[in-house]
Amino acid sequence: MLNVTVTGSTFENVLQLLGLVVVFVLILFATYYCTRLIGKYAYNNKSMSNNIEVIETFSLSQAKYVQIIRVGKNKYVAIAVCKDSVEFLAELSEDELEFAEVKNTQNGNIKFADVLKKIRKK
């Protein structure tokens, strides 16, 4: 015969459950703020360069990309980026490029809520 004994009262079990929920919520908040901190640090390091900017990246395969970068104020260059090498493809003029308009931005940052709305519409 199988005997099952419950240790502690129902009140103690509810307190344990609430304690676990509180710990879970604290872990979620810690994860959220750490992610924001890391994202802000990465963005600040990336934006330190005023003379080089990646305009667009197109993936050809898992480790091969074609990138259009801005060098200086108005010089645009197409490069091929592979696992171990970077190759110059062509110099482009600003007239040859199409720039997407970025809407609903503050200081150049795209709002996550706007991206999420755009994805939901699709």
PDB file of N, CA and C in Angstrom:
ATOM      1  N   MET A   1       0.831  -1.155   0.000  1.00  0.00           N
ATOM      2  CA  MET A   1       0.000   0.000   0.000  1.00  0.00           C
ATOM      3  C   MET A   1       0.895   1.243   0.000  1.00  0.00           C
ATOM      4  N   LEU A   2       0.493   2.294  -0.681  1.00  0.00           N
ATOM      5  CA  LEU A   2       1.272   3.517  -0.822  1.00  0.00           C
ATOM      6  C   LEU A   2       0.765   4.538   0.173  1.00  0.00           C
ATOM      7  N   ASN A   3       1.628   4.986   1.024  1.00  0.00           N
ATOM      8  CA  ASN A   3       1.274   6.019   1.993  1.00  0.00           C
ATOM      9  C   ASN A   3       1.930   7.321   1.580  1.00  0.00           C
ATOM     10  N   VAL A   4       1.127   8.345   1.422  1.00  0.00           N
ATOM     11  CA  VAL A   4       1.631   9.663   1.076  1.00  0.00           C
ATOM     12  C   VAL A   4       1.394  10.559   2.268  1.00  0.00           C
ATOM     13  N   THR A   5       2.458  11.163   2.755  1.00  0.00           N
ATOM     14  CA  THR A   5       2.311  12.083   3.881  1.00  0.00           C
ATOM     15  C   THR A   5       2.696  13.472   3.423  1.00  0.00           C
ATOM     16  N   VAL A   6       1.944  14.419   3.830  1.00  0.00           N
ATOM     17  CA  VAL A   6       2.194  15.809   3.488  1.00  0.00           C
ATOM     18  C   VAL A   6       2.874  16.451   4.683  1.00  0.00           C
ATOM     19  N   THR A   7       4.068  16.986   4.450  1.00  0.00           N
ATOM     20  CA  THR A   7       4.773  17.645   5.540  1.00  0.00           C
ATOM     21  C   THR A   7       4.416  19.125   5.529  1.00  0.00           C
ATOM     22  N   GLY A   8       4.086  19.657   6.661  1.00  0.00           N
ATOM     23  CA  GLY A   8       3.734  21.064   6.768  1.00  0.00           C
ATOM     24  C   GLY A   8       2.278  21.288   6.436  1.00  0.00           C
ATOM     25  N   SER A   9       1.830  22.452   6.790  1.00  0.00           N
ATOM     26  CA  SER A   9       0.429  22.790   6.556  1.00  0.00           C
ATOM     27  C   SER A   9       0.248  23.426   5.186  1.00  0.00           C
ATOM     28  N   THR A  10      -0.968  23.628   4.812  1.00  0.00           N
ATOM     29  CA  THR A  10      -1.288  24.282   3.544  1.00  0.00           C
ATOM     30  C   THR A  10      -0.766  25.711   3.542  1.00  0.00           C
ATOM     31  N   PHE A  11      -0.835  26.357   4.697  1.00  0.00           N
ATOM     32  CA  PHE A  11      -0.354  27.732   4.816  1.00  0.00           C
ATOM     33  C   PHE A  11       1.151  27.803   4.509  1.00  0.00           C
ATOM     34  N   GLU A  12       1.919  26.849   5.008  1.00  0.00           N
ATOM     35  CA  GLU A  12       3.360  26.821   4.727  1.00  0.00           C
ATOM     36  C   GLU A  12       3.631  26.573   3.250  1.00  0.00           C
ATOM     37  N   ASN A  13       2.825  25.735   2.637  1.00  0.00           N
ATOM     38  CA  ASN A  13       2.985  25.462   1.199  1.00  0.00           C
ATOM     39  C   ASN A  13       2.684  26.713   0.373  1.00  0.00           C
ATOM     40  N   VAL A  14       1.667  27.466   0.761  1.00  0.00           N
ATOM     41  CA  VAL A  14       1.328  28.705   0.058  1.00  0.00           C
ATOM     42  C   VAL A  14       2.457  29.719   0.228  1.00  0.00           C
ATOM     43  N   LEU A  15       3.023  29.801   1.424  1.00  0.00           N
ATOM     44  CA  LEU A  15       4.139  30.727   1.642  1.00  0.00           C
ATOM     45  C   LEU A  15       5.348  30.348   0.790  1.00  0.00           C
ATOM     46  N   GLN A  16       5.633  29.056   0.673  1.00  0.00           N
ATOM     47  CA  GLN A  16       6.729  28.614  -0.178  1.00  0.00           C
ATOM     48  C   GLN A  16       6.477  28.979  -1.636  1.00  0.00           C
ATOM     49  N   LEU A  17       5.250  28.798  -2.089  1.00  0.00           N
ATOM     50  CA  LEU A  17       4.895  29.147  -3.462  1.00  0.00           C
ATOM     51  C   LEU A  17       5.055  30.647  -3.693  1.00  0.00           C
ATOM     52  N   LEU A  18       4.581  31.459  -2.765  1.00  0.00           N
ATOM     53  CA  LEU A  18       4.726  32.914  -2.893  1.00  0.00           C
ATOM     54  C   LEU A  18       6.201  33.310  -2.883  1.00  0.00           C
ATOM     55  N   GLY A  19       6.989  32.648  -2.055  1.00  0.00           N
ATOM     56  CA  GLY A  19       8.421  32.930  -2.038  1.00  0.00           C
ATOM     57  C   GLY A  19       9.065  32.632  -3.380  1.00  0.00           C
ATOM     58  N   LEU A  20       8.692  31.524  -3.996  1.00  0.00           N
ATOM     59  CA  LEU A  20       9.228  31.183  -5.316  1.00  0.00           C
ATOM     60  C   LEU A  20       8.796  32.190  -6.377  1.00  0.00           C
ATOM     61  N   VAL A  21       7.558  32.645  -6.297  1.00  0.00           N
ATOM     62  CA  VAL A  21       7.065  33.646  -7.256  1.00  0.00           C
ATOM     63  C   VAL A  21       7.841  34.945  -7.092  1.00  0.00           C
ATOM     64  N   VAL A  22       8.089  35.359  -5.850  1.00  0.00           N
ATOM     65  CA  VAL A  22       8.844  36.590  -5.604  1.00  0.00           C
ATOM     66  C   VAL A  22      10.268  36.454  -6.151  1.00  0.00           C
ATOM     67  N   VAL A  23      10.912  35.334  -5.915  1.00  0.00           N
ATOM     68  CA  VAL A  23      12.265  35.114  -6.435  1.00  0.00           C
ATOM     69  C   VAL A  23      12.249  35.130  -7.959  1.00  0.00           C
ATOM     70  N   PHE A  24      11.262  34.523  -8.576  1.00  0.00           N
ATOM     71  CA  PHE A  24      11.152  34.504 -10.033  1.00  0.00           C
ATOM     72  C   PHE A  24      11.001  35.918 -10.584  1.00  0.00           C
ATOM     73  N   VAL A  25      10.154  36.732  -9.961  1.00  0.00           N
ATOM     74  CA  VAL A  25       9.950  38.115 -10.405  1.00  0.00           C
ATOM     75  C   VAL A  25      11.239  38.911 -10.238  1.00  0.00           C
ATOM     76  N   LEU A  26      11.955  38.710  -9.135  1.00  0.00           N
ATOM     77  CA  LEU A  26      13.231  39.406  -8.937  1.00  0.00           C
ATOM     78  C   LEU A  26      14.248  39.022 -10.007  1.00  0.00           C
ATOM     79  N   ILE A  27      14.280  37.765 -10.374  1.00  0.00           N
ATOM     80  CA  ILE A  27      15.193  37.319 -11.441  1.00  0.00           C
ATOM     81  C   ILE A  27      14.806  37.955 -12.770  1.00  0.00           C
ATOM     82  N   LEU A  28      13.511  38.072 -13.051  1.00  0.00           N
ATOM     83  CA  LEU A  28      13.073  38.725 -14.293  1.00  0.00           C
ATOM     84  C   LEU A  28      13.498  40.184 -14.331  1.00  0.00           C
ATOM     85  N   PHE A  29      13.300  40.909 -13.219  1.00  0.00           N
ATOM     86  CA  PHE A  29      13.714  42.316 -13.175  1.00  0.00           C
ATOM     87  C   PHE A  29      15.226  42.453 -13.326  1.00  0.00           C
ATOM     88  N   ALA A  30      15.988  41.595 -12.661  1.00  0.00           N
ATOM     89  CA  ALA A  30      17.445  41.649 -12.773  1.00  0.00           C
ATOM     90  C   ALA A  30      17.880  41.390 -14.213  1.00  0.00           C
ATOM     91  N   THR A  31      17.251  40.427 -14.876  1.00  0.00           N
ATOM     92  CA  THR A  31      17.564  40.124 -16.271  1.00  0.00           C
ATOM     93  C   THR A  31      17.247  41.308 -17.175  1.00  0.00           C
ATOM     94  N   TYR A  32      16.110  41.938 -16.955  1.00  0.00           N
ATOM     95  CA  TYR A  32      15.693  43.092 -17.757  1.00  0.00           C
ATOM     96  C   TYR A  32      16.705  44.231 -17.635  1.00  0.00           C
ATOM     97  N   TYR A  33      17.065  44.583 -16.404  1.00  0.00           N
ATOM     98  CA  TYR A  33      17.979  45.709 -16.211  1.00  0.00           C
ATOM     99  C   TYR A  33      19.399  45.389 -16.668  1.00  0.00           C
ATOM    100  N   CYS A  34      19.839  44.152 -16.501  1.00  0.00           N
ATOM    101  CA  CYS A  34      21.159  43.778 -17.014  1.00  0.00           C
ATOM    102  C   CYS A  34      21.192  43.844 -18.539  1.00  0.00           C
ATOM    103  N   THR A  35      20.126  43.404 -19.187  1.00  0.00           N
ATOM    104  CA  THR A  35      20.051  43.461 -20.644  1.00  0.00           C
ATOM    105  C   THR A  35      20.073  44.907 -21.132  1.00  0.00           C
ATOM    106  N   ARG A  36      19.344  45.776 -20.465  1.00  0.00           N
ATOM    107  CA  ARG A  36      19.365  47.199 -20.836  1.00  0.00           C
ATOM    108  C   ARG A  36      20.748  47.799 -20.655  1.00  0.00           C
ATOM    109  N   LEU A  37      21.406  47.455 -19.550  1.00  0.00           N
ATOM    110  CA  LEU A  37      22.737  47.979 -19.285  1.00  0.00           C
ATOM    111  C   LEU A  37      23.726  47.508 -20.339  1.00  0.00           C
ATOM    112  N   ILE A  38      23.688  46.238 -20.676  1.00  0.00           N
ATOM    113  CA  ILE A  38      24.592  45.691 -21.687  1.00  0.00           C
ATOM    114  C   ILE A  38      24.294  46.303 -23.057  1.00  0.00           C
ATOM    115  N   GLY A  39      23.005  46.452 -23.381  1.00  0.00           N
ATOM    116  CA  GLY A  39      22.635  47.071 -24.653  1.00  0.00           C
ATOM    117  C   GLY A  39      23.101  48.514 -24.755  1.00  0.00           C
ATOM    118  N   LYS A  40      22.958  49.261 -23.676  1.00  0.00           N
ATOM    119  CA  LYS A  40      23.393  50.653 -23.672  1.00  0.00           C
ATOM    120  C   LYS A  40      24.906  50.735 -23.804  1.00  0.00           C
ATOM    121  N   TYR A  41      25.629  49.841 -23.123  1.00  0.00           N
ATOM    122  CA  TYR A  41      27.085  49.821 -23.210  1.00  0.00           C
ATOM    123  C   TYR A  41      27.531  49.474 -24.626  1.00  0.00           C
ATOM    124  N   ALA A  42      26.901  48.485 -25.234  1.00  0.00           N
ATOM    125  CA  ALA A  42      27.263  48.083 -26.593  1.00  0.00           C
ATOM    126  C   ALA A  42      26.948  49.193 -27.586  1.00  0.00           C
ATOM    127  N   TYR A  43      25.805  49.881 -27.401  1.00  0.00           N
ATOM    128  CA  TYR A  43      25.438  50.969 -28.316  1.00  0.00           C
ATOM    129  C   TYR A  43      26.420  52.125 -28.191  1.00  0.00           C
ATOM    130  N   ASN A  44      26.808  52.459 -26.968  1.00  0.00           N
ATOM    131  CA  ASN A  44      27.749  53.560 -26.770  1.00  0.00           C
ATOM    132  C   ASN A  44      29.108  53.248 -27.372  1.00  0.00           C
ATOM    133  N   ASN A  45      29.566  52.018 -27.267  1.00  0.00           N
ATOM    134  CA  ASN A  45      30.838  51.650 -27.876  1.00  0.00           C
ATOM    135  C   ASN A  45      30.758  51.673 -29.391  1.00  0.00           C
ATOM    136  N   LYS A  46      29.624  51.259 -29.927  1.00  0.00           N
ATOM    137  CA  LYS A  46      29.438  51.218 -31.372  1.00  0.00           C
ATOM    138  C   LYS A  46      29.360  52.626 -31.953  1.00  0.00           C
ATOM    139  N   SER A  47      28.727  53.528 -31.239  1.00  0.00           N
ATOM    140  CA  SER A  47      28.496  54.860 -31.786  1.00  0.00           C
ATOM    141  C   SER A  47      29.655  55.814 -31.547  1.00  0.00           C
ATOM    142  N   MET A  48      30.775  55.331 -31.016  1.00  0.00           N
ATOM    143  CA  MET A  48      31.903  56.212 -30.746  1.00  0.00           C
ATOM    144  C   MET A  48      32.584  56.663 -32.029  1.00  0.00           C
ATOM    145  N   SER A  49      32.421  55.927 -33.105  1.00  0.00           N
ATOM    146  CA  SER A  49      33.041  56.285 -34.366  1.00  0.00           C
ATOM    147  C   SER A  49      32.119  57.216 -35.142  1.00  0.00           C
ATOM    148  N   ASN A  50      32.628  58.382 -35.493  1.00  0.00           N
ATOM    149  CA  ASN A  50      31.844  59.333 -36.278  1.00  0.00           C
ATOM    150  C   ASN A  50      32.146  59.238 -37.762  1.00  0.00           C
ATOM    151  N   ASN A  51      33.203  58.545 -38.129  1.00  0.00           N
ATOM    152  CA  ASN A  51      33.637  58.524 -39.516  1.00  0.00           C
ATOM    153  C   ASN A  51      33.325  57.235 -40.255  1.00  0.00           C
ATOM    154  N   ILE A  52      32.939  56.182 -39.538  1.00  0.00           N
ATOM    155  CA  ILE A  52      32.605  54.917 -40.189  1.00  0.00           C
ATOM    156  C   ILE A  52      31.245  54.457 -39.671  1.00  0.00           C
ATOM    157  N   GLU A  53      30.358  54.104 -40.601  1.00  0.00           N
ATOM    158  CA  GLU A  53      29.023  53.649 -40.225  1.00  0.00           C
ATOM    159  C   GLU A  53      28.572  52.568 -41.212  1.00  0.00           C
ATOM    160  N   VAL A  54      28.046  51.469 -40.679  1.00  0.00           N
ATOM    161  CA  VAL A  54      27.491  50.427 -41.531  1.00  0.00           C
ATOM    162  C   VAL A  54      26.086  50.862 -41.928  1.00  0.00           C
ATOM    163  N   ILE A  55      25.860  51.050 -43.205  1.00  0.00           N
ATOM    164  CA  ILE A  55      24.562  51.501 -43.713  1.00  0.00           C
ATOM    165  C   ILE A  55      23.620  50.319 -43.884  1.00  0.00           C
ATOM    166  N   GLU A  56      24.122  49.247 -44.481  1.00  0.00           N
ATOM    167  CA  GLU A  56      23.270  48.087 -44.752  1.00  0.00           C
ATOM    168  C   GLU A  56      24.126  46.829 -44.824  1.00  0.00           C
ATOM    169  N   THR A  57      23.553  45.714 -44.364  1.00  0.00           N
ATOM    170  CA  THR A  57      24.227  44.421 -44.423  1.00  0.00           C
ATOM    171  C   THR A  57      23.289  43.417 -45.066  1.00  0.00           C
ATOM    172  N   PHE A  58      23.814  42.667 -46.026  1.00  0.00           N
ATOM    173  CA  PHE A  58      23.041  41.630 -46.697  1.00  0.00           C
ATOM    174  C   PHE A  58      23.782  40.314 -46.524  1.00  0.00           C
ATOM    175  N   SER A  59      23.099  39.304 -45.996  1.00  0.00           N
ATOM    176  CA  SER A  59      23.710  38.012 -45.740  1.00  0.00           C
ATOM    177  C   SER A  59      23.631  37.139 -46.989  1.00  0.00           C
ATOM    178  N   LEU A  60      24.782  36.655 -47.436  1.00  0.00           N
ATOM    179  CA  LEU A  60      24.835  35.744 -48.575  1.00  0.00           C
ATOM    180  C   LEU A  60      24.771  34.293 -48.111  1.00  0.00           C
ATOM    181  N   SER A  61      25.412  34.020 -47.001  1.00  0.00           N
ATOM    182  CA  SER A  61      25.360  32.710 -46.359  1.00  0.00           C
ATOM    183  C   SER A  61      25.655  32.930 -44.881  1.00  0.00           C
ATOM    184  N   GLN A  62      25.887  31.848 -44.167  1.00  0.00           N
ATOM    185  CA  GLN A  62      26.045  31.968 -42.726  1.00  0.00           C
ATOM    186  C   GLN A  62      27.234  32.845 -42.330  1.00  0.00           C
ATOM    187  N   ALA A  63      28.306  32.816 -43.065  1.00  0.00           N
ATOM    188  CA  ALA A  63      29.492  33.581 -42.690  1.00  0.00           C
ATOM    189  C   ALA A  63      29.961  34.521 -43.792  1.00  0.00           C
ATOM    190  N   LYS A  64      29.066  34.866 -44.740  1.00  0.00           N
ATOM    191  CA  LYS A  64      29.443  35.754 -45.839  1.00  0.00           C
ATOM    192  C   LYS A  64      28.398  36.852 -45.979  1.00  0.00           C
ATOM    193  N   TYR A  65      28.894  38.092 -46.007  1.00  0.00           N
ATOM    194  CA  TYR A  65      28.005  39.250 -46.050  1.00  0.00           C
ATOM    195  C   TYR A  65      28.511  40.250 -47.076  1.00  0.00           C
ATOM    196  N   VAL A  66      27.581  41.030 -47.596  1.00  0.00           N
ATOM    197  CA  VAL A  66      27.916  42.211 -48.375  1.00  0.00           C
ATOM    198  C   VAL A  66      27.426  43.393 -47.557  1.00  0.00           C
ATOM    199  N   GLN A  67      28.324  44.355 -47.324  1.00  0.00           N
ATOM    200  CA  GLN A  67      27.972  45.523 -46.529  1.00  0.00           C
ATOM    201  C   GLN A  67      28.226  46.789 -47.319  1.00  0.00           C
ATOM    202  N   ILE A  68      27.361  47.762 -47.082  1.00  0.00           N
ATOM    203  CA  ILE A  68      27.584  49.108 -47.590  1.00  0.00           C
ATOM    204  C   ILE A  68      27.938  49.942 -46.367  1.00  0.00           C
ATOM    205  N   ILE A  69      29.091  50.585 -46.410  1.00  0.00           N
ATOM    206  CA  ILE A  69      29.511  51.401 -45.280  1.00  0.00           C
ATOM    207  C   ILE A  69      29.766  52.823 -45.740  1.00  0.00           C
ATOM    208  N   ARG A  70      29.550  53.761 -44.826  1.00  0.00           N
ATOM    209  CA  ARG A  70      29.868  55.163 -45.075  1.00  0.00           C
ATOM    210  C   ARG A  70      31.213  55.428 -44.414  1.00  0.00           C
ATOM    211  N   VAL A  71      32.131  55.984 -45.188  1.00  0.00           N
ATOM    212  CA  VAL A  71      33.444  56.342 -44.684  1.00  0.00           C
ATOM    213  C   VAL A  71      33.596  57.840 -44.872  1.00  0.00           C
ATOM    214  N   GLY A  72      33.816  58.550 -43.795  1.00  0.00           N
ATOM    215  CA  GLY A  72      33.889  60.003 -43.875  1.00  0.00           C
ATOM    216  C   GLY A  72      32.487  60.589 -43.933  1.00  0.00           C
ATOM    217  N   LYS A  73      32.352  61.736 -44.604  1.00  0.00           N
ATOM    218  CA  LYS A  73      31.049  62.405 -44.639  1.00  0.00           C
ATOM    219  C   LYS A  73      30.140  61.888 -45.743  1.00  0.00           C
ATOM    220  N   ASN A  74      30.672  61.601 -46.918  1.00  0.00           N
ATOM    221  CA  ASN A  74      29.796  61.197 -48.016  1.00  0.00           C
ATOM    222  C   ASN A  74      30.448  60.224 -48.983  1.00  0.00           C
ATOM    223  N   LYS A  75      31.316  59.373 -48.501  1.00  0.00           N
ATOM    224  CA  LYS A  75      31.918  58.345 -49.341  1.00  0.00           C
ATOM    225  C   LYS A  75      31.337  57.002 -48.925  1.00  0.00           C
ATOM    226  N   TYR A  76      30.761  56.273 -49.881  1.00  0.00           N
ATOM    227  CA  TYR A  76      30.123  54.993 -49.614  1.00  0.00           C
ATOM    228  C   TYR A  76      30.887  53.887 -50.329  1.00  0.00           C
ATOM    229  N   VAL A  77      31.098  52.772 -49.622  1.00  0.00           N
ATOM    230  CA  VAL A  77      31.892  51.676 -50.147  1.00  0.00           C
ATOM    231  C   VAL A  77      31.130  50.376 -49.920  1.00  0.00           C
ATOM    232  N   ALA A  78      31.142  49.495 -50.932  1.00  0.00           N
ATOM    233  CA  ALA A  78      30.581  48.158 -50.788  1.00  0.00           C
ATOM    234  C   ALA A  78      31.738  47.205 -50.533  1.00  0.00           C
ATOM    235  N   ILE A  79      31.576  46.359 -49.500  1.00  0.00           N
ATOM    236  CA  ILE A  79      32.618  45.403 -49.155  1.00  0.00           C
ATOM    237  C   ILE A  79      31.994  44.020 -48.979  1.00  0.00           C
ATOM    238  N   ALA A  80      32.813  42.999 -49.187  1.00  0.00           N
ATOM    239  CA  ALA A  80      32.403  41.617 -48.931  1.00  0.00           C
ATOM    240  C   ALA A  80      33.115  41.172 -47.663  1.00  0.00           C
ATOM    241  N   VAL A  81      32.361  40.691 -46.699  1.00  0.00           N
ATOM    242  CA  VAL A  81      32.918  40.257 -45.427  1.00  0.00           C
ATOM    243  C   VAL A  81      32.747  38.750 -45.329  1.00  0.00           C
ATOM    244  N   CYS A  82      33.871  38.041 -45.216  1.00  0.00           N
ATOM    245  CA  CYS A  82      33.861  36.593 -45.051  1.00  0.00           C
ATOM    246  C   CYS A  82      34.430  36.263 -43.684  1.00  0.00           C
ATOM    247  N   LYS A  83      34.527  35.003 -43.397  1.00  0.00           N
ATOM    248  CA  LYS A  83      34.994  34.565 -42.087  1.00  0.00           C
ATOM    249  C   LYS A  83      36.374  35.128 -41.755  1.00  0.00           C
ATOM    250  N   ASP A  84      37.296  35.050 -42.684  1.00  0.00           N
ATOM    251  CA  ASP A  84      38.667  35.469 -42.417  1.00  0.00           C
ATOM    252  C   ASP A  84      39.149  36.627 -43.282  1.00  0.00           C
ATOM    253  N   SER A  85      38.265  37.241 -44.064  1.00  0.00           N
ATOM    254  CA  SER A  85      38.747  38.297 -44.950  1.00  0.00           C
ATOM    255  C   SER A  85      37.660  39.337 -45.215  1.00  0.00           C
ATOM    256  N   VAL A  86      38.127  40.502 -45.654  1.00  0.00           N
ATOM    257  CA  VAL A  86      37.253  41.593 -46.088  1.00  0.00           C
ATOM    258  C   VAL A  86      37.772  42.044 -47.441  1.00  0.00           C
ATOM    259  N   GLU A  87      36.879  42.085 -48.426  1.00  0.00           N
ATOM    260  CA  GLU A  87      37.266  42.449 -49.788  1.00  0.00           C
ATOM    261  C   GLU A  87      36.527  43.717 -50.219  1.00  0.00           C
ATOM    262  N   PHE A  88      37.239  44.610 -50.880  1.00  0.00           N
ATOM    263  CA  PHE A  88      36.644  45.808 -51.458  1.00  0.00           C
ATOM    264  C   PHE A  88      35.900  45.419 -52.731  1.00  0.00           C
ATOM    265  N   LEU A  89      34.638  45.840 -52.859  1.00  0.00           N
ATOM    266  CA  LEU A  89      33.863  45.530 -54.063  1.00  0.00           C
ATOM    267  C   LEU A  89      33.751  46.727 -54.982  1.00  0.00           C
ATOM    268  N   ALA A  90      33.250  47.853 -54.457  1.00  0.00           N
ATOM    269  CA  ALA A  90      33.052  49.027 -55.304  1.00  0.00           C
ATOM    270  C   ALA A  90      32.834  50.257 -54.450  1.00  0.00           C
ATOM    271  N   GLU A  91      33.114  51.398 -55.050  1.00  0.00           N
ATOM    272  CA  GLU A  91      32.775  52.660 -54.405  1.00  0.00           C
ATOM    273  C   GLU A  91      31.447  53.121 -54.994  1.00  0.00           C
ATOM    274  N   LEU A  92      30.540  53.552 -54.145  1.00  0.00           N
ATOM    275  CA  LEU A  92      29.204  53.945 -54.572  1.00  0.00           C
ATOM    276  C   LEU A  92      28.990  55.429 -54.328  1.00  0.00           C
ATOM    277  N   SER A  93      28.183  56.035 -55.186  1.00  0.00           N
ATOM    278  CA  SER A  93      27.805  57.425 -54.939  1.00  0.00           C
ATOM    279  C   SER A  93      26.489  57.449 -54.173  1.00  0.00           C
ATOM    280  N   GLU A  94      26.221  58.563 -53.550  1.00  0.00           N
ATOM    281  CA  GLU A  94      24.989  58.688 -52.755  1.00  0.00           C
ATOM    282  C   GLU A  94      23.747  58.579 -53.642  1.00  0.00           C
ATOM    283  N   ASP A  95      23.862  58.944 -54.906  1.00  0.00           N
ATOM    284  CA  ASP A  95      22.736  58.862 -55.842  1.00  0.00           C
ATOM    285  C   ASP A  95      22.346  57.416 -56.142  1.00  0.00           C
ATOM    286  N   GLU A  96      23.281  56.494 -56.039  1.00  0.00           N
ATOM    287  CA  GLU A  96      23.016  55.087 -56.341  1.00  0.00           C
ATOM    288  C   GLU A  96      22.317  54.356 -55.192  1.00  0.00           C
ATOM    289  N   LEU A  97      22.261  54.967 -54.034  1.00  0.00           N
ATOM    290  CA  LEU A  97      21.712  54.309 -52.853  1.00  0.00           C
ATOM    291  C   LEU A  97      20.300  54.789 -52.543  1.00  0.00           C
ATOM    292  N   GLU A  98      19.505  53.895 -51.976  1.00  0.00           N
ATOM    293  CA  GLU A  98      18.176  54.244 -51.487  1.00  0.00           C
ATOM    294  C   GLU A  98      18.198  54.117 -49.969  1.00  0.00           C
ATOM    295  N   PHE A  99      17.859  55.179 -49.292  1.00  0.00           N
ATOM    296  CA  PHE A  99      17.862  55.180 -47.834  1.00  0.00           C
ATOM    297  C   PHE A  99      16.432  55.042 -47.336  1.00  0.00           C
ATOM    298  N   ALA A 100      16.219  54.112 -46.412  1.00  0.00           N
ATOM    299  CA  ALA A 100      14.898  53.927 -45.814  1.00  0.00           C
ATOM    300  C   ALA A 100      14.662  55.033 -44.802  1.00  0.00           C
ATOM    301  N   GLU A 101      13.426  55.514 -44.766  1.00  0.00           N
ATOM    302  CA  GLU A 101      13.073  56.523 -43.781  1.00  0.00           C
ATOM    303  C   GLU A 101      12.793  55.846 -42.451  1.00  0.00           C
ATOM    304  N   VAL A 102      13.379  56.365 -41.403  1.00  0.00           N
ATOM    305  CA  VAL A 102      13.172  55.823 -40.068  1.00  0.00           C
ATOM    306  C   VAL A 102      12.166  56.726 -39.374  1.00  0.00           C
ATOM    307  N   LYS A 103      11.019  56.138 -39.003  1.00  0.00           N
ATOM    308  CA  LYS A 103       9.953  56.911 -38.371  1.00  0.00           C
ATOM    309  C   LYS A 103       9.902  56.596 -36.883  1.00  0.00           C
ATOM    310  N   ASN A 104       9.350  57.520 -36.118  1.00  0.00           N
ATOM    311  CA  ASN A 104       9.144  57.356 -34.681  1.00  0.00           C
ATOM    312  C   ASN A 104      10.441  57.031 -33.952  1.00  0.00           C
ATOM    313  N   THR A 105      11.445  57.866 -34.168  1.00  0.00           N
ATOM    314  CA  THR A 105      12.708  57.634 -33.473  1.00  0.00           C
ATOM    315  C   THR A 105      13.020  58.813 -32.576  1.00  0.00           C
ATOM    316  N   GLN A 106      13.759  58.522 -31.531  1.00  0.00           N
ATOM    317  CA  GLN A 106      14.282  59.556 -30.658  1.00  0.00           C
ATOM    318  C   GLN A 106      15.786  59.379 -30.632  1.00  0.00           C
ATOM    319  N   ASN A 107      16.515  60.419 -31.033  1.00  0.00           N
ATOM    320  CA  ASN A 107      17.975  60.368 -31.038  1.00  0.00           C
ATOM    321  C   ASN A 107      18.504  59.209 -31.879  1.00  0.00           C
ATOM    322  N   GLY A 108      17.788  58.831 -32.941  1.00  0.00           N
ATOM    323  CA  GLY A 108      18.243  57.769 -33.816  1.00  0.00           C
ATOM    324  C   GLY A 108      17.902  56.367 -33.344  1.00  0.00           C
ATOM    325  N   ASN A 109      17.203  56.217 -32.232  1.00  0.00           N
ATOM    326  CA  ASN A 109      16.856  54.897 -31.714  1.00  0.00           C
ATOM    327  C   ASN A 109      15.452  54.521 -32.160  1.00  0.00           C
ATOM    328  N   ILE A 110      15.282  53.312 -32.638  1.00  0.00           N
ATOM    329  CA  ILE A 110      13.977  52.817 -33.056  1.00  0.00           C
ATOM    330  C   ILE A 110      13.271  52.238 -31.839  1.00  0.00           C
ATOM    331  N   LYS A 111      11.995  52.560 -31.682  1.00  0.00           N
ATOM    332  CA  LYS A 111      11.230  52.064 -30.538  1.00  0.00           C
ATOM    333  C   LYS A 111      10.803  50.622 -30.787  1.00  0.00           C
ATOM    334  N   PHE A 112      10.989  49.781 -29.773  1.00  0.00           N
ATOM    335  CA  PHE A 112      10.643  48.368 -29.879  1.00  0.00           C
ATOM    336  C   PHE A 112       9.146  48.194 -30.110  1.00  0.00           C
ATOM    337  N   ALA A 113       8.318  49.024 -29.484  1.00  0.00           N
ATOM    338  CA  ALA A 113       6.865  48.913 -29.633  1.00  0.00           C
ATOM    339  C   ALA A 113       6.452  49.114 -31.092  1.00  0.00           C
ATOM    340  N   ASP A 114       7.113  50.023 -31.802  1.00  0.00           N
ATOM    341  CA  ASP A 114       6.789  50.262 -33.207  1.00  0.00           C
ATOM    342  C   ASP A 114       7.179  49.072 -34.080  1.00  0.00           C
ATOM    343  N   VAL A 115       8.322  48.467 -33.777  1.00  0.00           N
ATOM    344  CA  VAL A 115       8.748  47.280 -34.523  1.00  0.00           C
ATOM    345  C   VAL A 115       7.773  46.141 -34.289  1.00  0.00           C
ATOM    346  N   LEU A 116       7.344  45.965 -33.036  1.00  0.00           N
ATOM    347  CA  LEU A 116       6.418  44.906 -32.690  1.00  0.00           C
ATOM    348  C   LEU A 116       5.066  45.103 -33.395  1.00  0.00           C
ATOM    349  N   LYS A 117       4.585  46.345 -33.468  1.00  0.00           N
ATOM    350  CA  LYS A 117       3.331  46.629 -34.182  1.00  0.00           C
ATOM    351  C   LYS A 117       3.457  46.285 -35.662  1.00  0.00           C
ATOM    352  N   LYS A 118       4.614  46.614 -36.255  1.00  0.00           N
ATOM    353  CA  LYS A 118       4.828  46.338 -37.669  1.00  0.00           C
ATOM    354  C   LYS A 118       4.820  44.829 -37.926  1.00  0.00           C
ATOM    355  N   ILE A 119       5.416  44.057 -37.018  1.00  0.00           N
ATOM    356  CA  ILE A 119       5.458  42.600 -37.172  1.00  0.00           C
ATOM    357  C   ILE A 119       4.063  42.011 -37.002  1.00  0.00           C
ATOM    358  N   ARG A 120       3.295  42.523 -36.073  1.00  0.00           N
ATOM    359  CA  ARG A 120       1.929  42.015 -35.854  1.00  0.00           C
ATOM    360  C   ARG A 120       1.038  42.258 -37.063  1.00  0.00           C
ATOM    361  N   LYS A 121       1.244  43.359 -37.780  1.00  0.00           N
ATOM    362  CA  LYS A 121       0.441  43.654 -38.959  1.00  0.00           C
ATOM    363  C   LYS A 121       0.692  42.637 -40.067  1.00  0.00           C
ATOM    364  N   LYS A 122       1.917  42.139 -40.147  1.00  0.00           N
ATOM    365  CA  LYS A 122       2.250  41.165 -41.185  1.00  0.00           C
ATOM    366  C   LYS A 122       1.638  39.839 -40.822  1.00  0.00           C
TER     367      LYS A 122
END
